[in-house]
N, C-alpha and C. Protein backbone atom coordinates (compact mmCIF):
# COMPACT_ATOMS: atom_id res chain seq x y z
N UNK A 1 0.84 -1.18 0.00
CA UNK A 1 0.00 0.00 0.00
C UNK A 1 0.89 1.25 0.00
N UNK A 2 0.52 2.21 -0.82
CA UNK A 2 1.27 3.45 -0.92
C UNK A 2 0.66 4.47 0.04
N UNK A 3 1.48 5.05 0.85
CA UNK A 3 1.01 6.07 1.79
C UNK A 3 0.76 7.37 1.03
N UNK A 4 -0.34 8.02 1.32
CA UNK A 4 -0.69 9.27 0.65
C UNK A 4 -0.34 10.48 1.52
N UNK A 5 0.49 10.27 2.48
CA UNK A 5 0.89 11.36 3.36
C UNK A 5 1.62 10.80 4.56
N UNK A 6 1.79 11.66 5.52
CA UNK A 6 2.49 11.26 6.74
C UNK A 6 1.46 10.97 7.82
N UNK A 7 1.72 9.95 8.60
CA UNK A 7 0.79 9.58 9.66
C UNK A 7 1.35 8.45 10.49
N UNK A 8 0.45 7.65 11.02
CA UNK A 8 0.86 6.55 11.90
C UNK A 8 -0.02 5.34 11.68
N UNK A 9 0.53 4.23 11.96
CA UNK A 9 -0.19 2.98 11.84
C UNK A 9 -1.06 2.81 13.10
N UNK A 10 -2.32 2.50 12.90
CA UNK A 10 -3.23 2.25 14.02
C UNK A 10 -3.77 0.83 13.88
N UNK A 11 -4.59 0.46 14.83
CA UNK A 11 -5.20 -0.87 14.80
C UNK A 11 -6.17 -1.01 13.63
N UNK A 12 -6.70 0.10 13.15
CA UNK A 12 -7.67 0.08 12.05
C UNK A 12 -7.02 0.40 10.71
N UNK A 13 -5.73 0.52 10.66
CA UNK A 13 -5.03 0.83 9.42
C UNK A 13 -4.16 2.06 9.58
N UNK A 14 -3.69 2.57 8.47
CA UNK A 14 -2.79 3.73 8.49
C UNK A 14 -3.63 4.99 8.54
N UNK A 15 -3.40 5.84 9.54
CA UNK A 15 -4.13 7.09 9.68
C UNK A 15 -3.22 8.23 9.21
N UNK A 16 -3.67 8.96 8.20
CA UNK A 16 -2.88 10.05 7.64
C UNK A 16 -3.15 11.31 8.46
N UNK A 17 -2.08 11.86 9.03
CA UNK A 17 -2.18 13.11 9.78
C UNK A 17 -1.86 14.32 8.90
N UNK A 18 -0.93 14.15 7.99
CA UNK A 18 -0.49 15.23 7.12
C UNK A 18 -0.47 14.72 5.67
N UNK A 19 -1.51 15.03 4.87
CA UNK A 19 -1.54 14.53 3.49
C UNK A 19 -0.45 15.19 2.64
N UNK A 20 0.03 14.47 1.64
CA UNK A 20 1.03 15.04 0.73
C UNK A 20 0.41 16.12 -0.15
N UNK A 21 -0.78 15.86 -0.66
CA UNK A 21 -1.49 16.83 -1.50
C UNK A 21 -2.84 17.15 -0.87
N UNK A 22 -3.14 18.42 -0.80
CA UNK A 22 -4.43 18.83 -0.26
C UNK A 22 -5.47 18.84 -1.36
N UNK A 23 -6.71 18.76 -0.99
CA UNK A 23 -7.80 18.84 -1.96
C UNK A 23 -7.85 20.23 -2.59
N UNK A 24 -8.28 20.29 -3.85
CA UNK A 24 -8.33 21.58 -4.55
C UNK A 24 -9.33 22.53 -3.91
N UNK A 25 -10.34 21.99 -3.26
CA UNK A 25 -11.34 22.84 -2.63
C UNK A 25 -11.13 22.97 -1.12
N UNK A 26 -9.90 22.75 -0.65
CA UNK A 26 -9.63 22.82 0.78
C UNK A 26 -9.81 24.24 1.31
N UNK A 27 -9.47 25.22 0.52
CA UNK A 27 -9.71 26.61 0.89
C UNK A 27 -9.82 27.44 -0.39
N UNK A 28 -9.96 28.75 -0.25
CA UNK A 28 -10.23 29.59 -1.41
C UNK A 28 -8.95 29.98 -2.16
N UNK A 29 -7.78 29.62 -1.67
CA UNK A 29 -6.53 30.05 -2.30
C UNK A 29 -6.40 29.56 -3.73
N UNK A 30 -6.66 28.28 -3.98
CA UNK A 30 -6.52 27.76 -5.34
C UNK A 30 -7.57 28.38 -6.26
N UNK A 31 -8.79 28.54 -5.78
CA UNK A 31 -9.84 29.15 -6.59
C UNK A 31 -9.45 30.58 -6.98
N UNK A 32 -8.96 31.33 -6.02
CA UNK A 32 -8.55 32.71 -6.29
C UNK A 32 -7.36 32.74 -7.25
N UNK A 33 -6.42 31.84 -7.09
CA UNK A 33 -5.26 31.80 -7.97
C UNK A 33 -5.67 31.51 -9.41
N UNK A 34 -6.55 30.56 -9.60
CA UNK A 34 -7.03 30.23 -10.95
C UNK A 34 -7.76 31.42 -11.56
N UNK A 35 -8.61 32.09 -10.76
CA UNK A 35 -9.35 33.25 -11.25
C UNK A 35 -8.40 34.38 -11.66
N UNK A 36 -7.40 34.65 -10.84
CA UNK A 36 -6.46 35.73 -11.16
C UNK A 36 -5.61 35.41 -12.38
N UNK A 37 -5.20 34.17 -12.51
CA UNK A 37 -4.42 33.77 -13.69
C UNK A 37 -5.25 33.92 -14.96
N UNK A 38 -6.50 33.46 -14.91
CA UNK A 38 -7.35 33.59 -16.09
C UNK A 38 -7.63 35.05 -16.40
N UNK A 39 -7.89 35.88 -15.37
CA UNK A 39 -8.14 37.31 -15.59
C UNK A 39 -6.94 37.96 -16.27
N UNK A 40 -5.74 37.67 -15.80
CA UNK A 40 -4.53 38.21 -16.42
C UNK A 40 -4.41 37.74 -17.87
N UNK A 41 -4.64 36.44 -18.10
CA UNK A 41 -4.57 35.91 -19.47
C UNK A 41 -5.60 36.56 -20.37
N UNK A 42 -6.81 36.79 -19.84
CA UNK A 42 -7.88 37.42 -20.63
C UNK A 42 -7.45 38.81 -21.08
N UNK A 43 -6.87 39.59 -20.18
CA UNK A 43 -6.42 40.93 -20.54
C UNK A 43 -5.33 40.85 -21.60
N UNK A 44 -4.37 39.96 -21.44
CA UNK A 44 -3.29 39.81 -22.42
C UNK A 44 -3.87 39.41 -23.78
N UNK A 45 -4.77 38.43 -23.80
CA UNK A 45 -5.35 37.99 -25.07
C UNK A 45 -6.17 39.09 -25.72
N UNK A 46 -6.93 39.84 -24.94
CA UNK A 46 -7.73 40.93 -25.49
C UNK A 46 -6.84 42.02 -26.08
N UNK A 47 -5.77 42.37 -25.39
CA UNK A 47 -4.85 43.39 -25.91
C UNK A 47 -4.15 42.90 -27.18
N UNK A 48 -3.80 41.63 -27.25
CA UNK A 48 -3.18 41.09 -28.46
C UNK A 48 -4.16 41.10 -29.63
N UNK A 49 -5.42 40.85 -29.34
CA UNK A 49 -6.42 40.74 -30.41
C UNK A 49 -6.83 42.10 -30.97
N UNK A 50 -7.16 43.07 -30.11
CA UNK A 50 -7.71 44.34 -30.59
C UNK A 50 -6.85 45.55 -30.28
N UNK A 51 -5.77 45.38 -29.53
CA UNK A 51 -4.89 46.50 -29.19
C UNK A 51 -5.45 47.31 -28.03
N UNK A 52 -4.63 48.22 -27.49
CA UNK A 52 -5.07 49.02 -26.34
C UNK A 52 -6.28 49.91 -26.65
N UNK A 53 -6.28 50.54 -27.83
CA UNK A 53 -7.41 51.40 -28.19
C UNK A 53 -8.71 50.62 -28.31
N UNK A 54 -8.67 49.49 -28.97
CA UNK A 54 -9.87 48.66 -29.11
C UNK A 54 -10.33 48.11 -27.78
N UNK A 55 -9.38 47.77 -26.92
CA UNK A 55 -9.71 47.26 -25.58
C UNK A 55 -10.47 48.32 -24.78
N UNK A 56 -9.96 49.56 -24.77
CA UNK A 56 -10.63 50.64 -24.02
C UNK A 56 -11.96 51.00 -24.66
N UNK A 57 -12.01 50.97 -25.99
CA UNK A 57 -13.27 51.28 -26.68
C UNK A 57 -14.34 50.24 -26.34
N UNK A 58 -13.95 48.98 -26.30
CA UNK A 58 -14.90 47.92 -25.97
C UNK A 58 -15.44 48.08 -24.56
N UNK A 59 -14.61 48.57 -23.65
CA UNK A 59 -15.05 48.74 -22.27
C UNK A 59 -15.90 49.99 -22.07
N UNK A 60 -15.52 51.12 -22.70
CA UNK A 60 -16.12 52.39 -22.32
C UNK A 60 -16.91 53.11 -23.41
N UNK A 61 -16.76 52.76 -24.67
CA UNK A 61 -17.43 53.49 -25.75
C UNK A 61 -18.92 53.15 -25.80
N UNK A 62 -19.76 54.08 -26.30
CA UNK A 62 -21.17 53.76 -26.47
C UNK A 62 -21.34 52.59 -27.42
N UNK A 63 -22.29 51.73 -27.13
CA UNK A 63 -22.52 50.53 -27.94
C UNK A 63 -23.66 50.76 -28.93
N UNK A 64 -23.61 50.07 -30.03
CA UNK A 64 -24.70 50.11 -30.99
C UNK A 64 -24.60 51.27 -31.96
N UNK A 65 -25.67 51.46 -32.72
CA UNK A 65 -25.71 52.47 -33.76
C UNK A 65 -26.29 53.79 -33.28
N UNK A 66 -26.60 53.91 -31.99
CA UNK A 66 -27.31 55.09 -31.50
C UNK A 66 -26.37 56.11 -30.86
N UNK A 67 -25.08 56.03 -31.12
CA UNK A 67 -24.15 56.92 -30.42
C UNK A 67 -24.41 58.39 -30.76
N UNK A 68 -24.82 58.72 -32.00
CA UNK A 68 -25.10 60.11 -32.36
C UNK A 68 -26.29 60.64 -31.57
N UNK A 69 -27.37 59.87 -31.56
CA UNK A 69 -28.57 60.32 -30.86
C UNK A 69 -28.35 60.34 -29.35
N UNK A 70 -27.56 59.41 -28.82
CA UNK A 70 -27.26 59.39 -27.39
C UNK A 70 -26.48 60.63 -27.02
N UNK A 71 -25.51 61.02 -27.83
CA UNK A 71 -24.72 62.21 -27.55
C UNK A 71 -25.59 63.46 -27.55
N UNK A 72 -26.50 63.56 -28.50
CA UNK A 72 -27.38 64.73 -28.56
C UNK A 72 -28.29 64.78 -27.34
N UNK A 73 -28.91 63.65 -27.00
CA UNK A 73 -29.81 63.61 -25.85
C UNK A 73 -29.06 63.89 -24.55
N UNK A 74 -27.86 63.38 -24.42
CA UNK A 74 -27.05 63.62 -23.22
C UNK A 74 -26.71 65.10 -23.10
N UNK A 75 -26.30 65.70 -24.21
CA UNK A 75 -25.99 67.13 -24.17
C UNK A 75 -27.21 67.95 -23.76
N UNK A 76 -28.37 67.58 -24.26
CA UNK A 76 -29.58 68.31 -23.91
C UNK A 76 -29.92 68.16 -22.43
N UNK A 77 -29.71 66.99 -21.90
CA UNK A 77 -30.04 66.74 -20.50
C UNK A 77 -29.07 67.45 -19.56
N UNK A 78 -27.82 67.57 -19.94
CA UNK A 78 -26.80 68.14 -19.05
C UNK A 78 -26.91 69.66 -18.98
N UNK A 79 -27.01 70.32 -20.10
CA UNK A 79 -26.96 71.78 -20.11
C UNK A 79 -28.10 72.37 -20.92
N UNK A 80 -29.31 72.28 -20.39
CA UNK A 80 -30.48 72.72 -21.13
C UNK A 80 -30.47 74.22 -21.39
N UNK A 81 -29.88 75.00 -20.48
CA UNK A 81 -29.90 76.46 -20.64
C UNK A 81 -28.95 76.93 -21.73
N UNK A 82 -27.88 76.21 -21.93
CA UNK A 82 -26.85 76.69 -22.85
C UNK A 82 -26.99 76.14 -24.26
N UNK A 83 -27.97 75.30 -24.51
CA UNK A 83 -28.13 74.70 -25.84
C UNK A 83 -28.86 75.66 -26.76
N UNK A 84 -28.28 75.89 -27.89
CA UNK A 84 -28.91 76.70 -28.92
C UNK A 84 -29.87 75.79 -29.69
N UNK A 85 -31.14 76.17 -29.73
CA UNK A 85 -32.13 75.30 -30.37
C UNK A 85 -31.84 75.10 -31.85
N UNK A 86 -31.34 76.12 -32.52
CA UNK A 86 -31.04 75.98 -33.95
C UNK A 86 -29.92 74.96 -34.16
N UNK A 87 -28.89 75.02 -33.30
CA UNK A 87 -27.79 74.06 -33.42
C UNK A 87 -28.26 72.65 -33.07
N UNK A 88 -29.16 72.54 -32.08
CA UNK A 88 -29.69 71.23 -31.72
C UNK A 88 -30.48 70.63 -32.87
N UNK A 89 -31.29 71.46 -33.54
CA UNK A 89 -32.06 70.99 -34.69
C UNK A 89 -31.13 70.60 -35.84
N UNK A 90 -30.08 71.37 -36.03
CA UNK A 90 -29.09 71.06 -37.06
C UNK A 90 -28.39 69.72 -36.76
N UNK A 91 -28.04 69.51 -35.50
CA UNK A 91 -27.40 68.25 -35.10
C UNK A 91 -28.36 67.08 -35.27
N UNK A 92 -29.65 67.31 -34.98
CA UNK A 92 -30.64 66.24 -35.16
C UNK A 92 -30.74 65.85 -36.63
N UNK A 93 -30.73 66.84 -37.52
CA UNK A 93 -30.81 66.55 -38.95
C UNK A 93 -29.56 65.81 -39.44
N UNK A 94 -28.38 66.20 -38.93
CA UNK A 94 -27.16 65.49 -39.30
C UNK A 94 -27.20 64.04 -38.82
N UNK A 95 -27.67 63.85 -37.58
CA UNK A 95 -27.76 62.49 -37.03
C UNK A 95 -28.75 61.67 -37.84
N UNK A 96 -29.87 62.29 -38.23
CA UNK A 96 -30.86 61.57 -39.04
C UNK A 96 -30.27 61.15 -40.37
N UNK A 97 -29.49 62.03 -41.00
CA UNK A 97 -28.88 61.70 -42.29
C UNK A 97 -27.89 60.54 -42.14
N UNK A 98 -27.08 60.57 -41.05
CA UNK A 98 -26.13 59.47 -40.82
C UNK A 98 -26.85 58.17 -40.53
N UNK A 99 -27.92 58.26 -39.76
CA UNK A 99 -28.65 57.04 -39.40
C UNK A 99 -29.35 56.43 -40.61
N UNK A 100 -29.81 57.26 -41.54
CA UNK A 100 -30.48 56.73 -42.73
C UNK A 100 -29.56 55.82 -43.54
N UNK A 101 -28.24 56.10 -43.47
CA UNK A 101 -27.28 55.26 -44.19
C UNK A 101 -27.15 53.88 -43.55
N UNK A 102 -27.41 53.79 -42.23
CA UNK A 102 -27.14 52.56 -41.50
C UNK A 102 -28.38 51.79 -41.08
N UNK A 103 -29.50 52.47 -40.90
CA UNK A 103 -30.69 51.83 -40.34
C UNK A 103 -31.84 51.84 -41.32
N UNK A 104 -32.87 51.06 -40.98
CA UNK A 104 -34.08 51.06 -41.80
C UNK A 104 -34.87 52.33 -41.52
N UNK A 105 -35.85 52.61 -42.40
CA UNK A 105 -36.66 53.82 -42.24
C UNK A 105 -37.43 53.82 -40.92
N UNK A 106 -37.91 52.64 -40.48
CA UNK A 106 -38.66 52.57 -39.22
C UNK A 106 -37.77 52.91 -38.03
N UNK A 107 -36.54 52.40 -38.06
CA UNK A 107 -35.60 52.68 -36.95
C UNK A 107 -35.22 54.16 -36.93
N UNK A 108 -35.01 54.75 -38.11
CA UNK A 108 -34.68 56.17 -38.19
C UNK A 108 -35.84 57.00 -37.67
N UNK A 109 -37.07 56.62 -38.03
CA UNK A 109 -38.25 57.35 -37.55
C UNK A 109 -38.36 57.28 -36.03
N UNK A 110 -38.06 56.13 -35.47
CA UNK A 110 -38.12 55.97 -34.02
C UNK A 110 -37.10 56.86 -33.32
N UNK A 111 -35.87 56.83 -33.80
CA UNK A 111 -34.81 57.67 -33.20
C UNK A 111 -35.14 59.14 -33.39
N UNK A 112 -35.61 59.49 -34.58
CA UNK A 112 -35.95 60.88 -34.87
C UNK A 112 -37.08 61.36 -33.96
N UNK A 113 -38.07 60.51 -33.72
CA UNK A 113 -39.18 60.88 -32.85
C UNK A 113 -38.70 61.14 -31.43
N UNK A 114 -37.78 60.31 -30.96
CA UNK A 114 -37.27 60.54 -29.60
C UNK A 114 -36.46 61.83 -29.51
N UNK A 115 -35.72 62.16 -30.57
CA UNK A 115 -34.97 63.42 -30.57
C UNK A 115 -35.91 64.62 -30.64
N UNK A 116 -36.98 64.51 -31.41
CA UNK A 116 -37.96 65.60 -31.48
C UNK A 116 -38.62 65.79 -30.12
N UNK A 117 -38.94 64.68 -29.42
CA UNK A 117 -39.51 64.78 -28.07
C UNK A 117 -38.53 65.47 -27.13
N UNK A 118 -37.24 65.14 -27.26
CA UNK A 118 -36.23 65.76 -26.40
C UNK A 118 -36.15 67.26 -26.66
N UNK A 119 -36.22 67.66 -27.92
CA UNK A 119 -36.22 69.10 -28.24
C UNK A 119 -37.46 69.78 -27.67
N UNK A 120 -38.59 69.12 -27.75
CA UNK A 120 -39.82 69.69 -27.19
C UNK A 120 -39.71 69.83 -25.67
N UNK A 121 -39.14 68.84 -25.01
CA UNK A 121 -38.94 68.92 -23.56
C UNK A 121 -37.99 70.06 -23.22
N UNK A 122 -36.98 70.28 -24.04
CA UNK A 122 -36.05 71.38 -23.83
C UNK A 122 -36.80 72.70 -23.89
N UNK A 123 -37.68 72.86 -24.86
CA UNK A 123 -38.45 74.10 -24.98
C UNK A 123 -39.35 74.30 -23.76
N UNK A 124 -39.99 73.23 -23.29
CA UNK A 124 -40.86 73.32 -22.11
C UNK A 124 -40.04 73.72 -20.89
N UNK A 125 -38.87 73.14 -20.69
CA UNK A 125 -38.02 73.50 -19.55
C UNK A 125 -37.64 74.97 -19.60
N UNK A 126 -37.33 75.45 -20.79
CA UNK A 126 -36.95 76.87 -20.91
C UNK A 126 -38.12 77.78 -20.59
N UNK A 127 -39.32 77.44 -21.03
CA UNK A 127 -40.51 78.27 -20.76
C UNK A 127 -40.80 78.31 -19.26
N UNK A 128 -40.61 77.18 -18.58
CA UNK A 128 -40.90 77.13 -17.14
C UNK A 128 -39.91 78.00 -16.36
N UNK A 129 -38.67 78.10 -16.81
CA UNK A 129 -37.65 78.85 -16.08
C UNK A 129 -37.80 80.35 -16.30
N UNK A 130 -38.40 80.75 -17.41
CA UNK A 130 -38.50 82.20 -17.71
C UNK A 130 -39.85 82.73 -17.40
């Protein structure tokens, strides 16, 4: 019989007091080590695949095709007093033209309607303040 650790012979057989190898789930150290190794490898693989710029863009850049409309709506929400309505309408028309190249007419109409609602809300906010 091969001993799997250090111990002593008893009447009921060999009792192991100190095993040579501990179980993988004996504590959280091995789990944490595997997680950290994979996390490090994931970052290295991602940087090799898309580069630092692509890595940061994937983490923080707006997702999807709505980045133009999101930027316009965000600007309107942040600084309603300082937005020039003519420039906002001009930006909406530019965004609509760009979206027409990428989206279907129904999707463009939906985005355009939300931007028109945002402009209307901007006008209402301005009237209430004055």
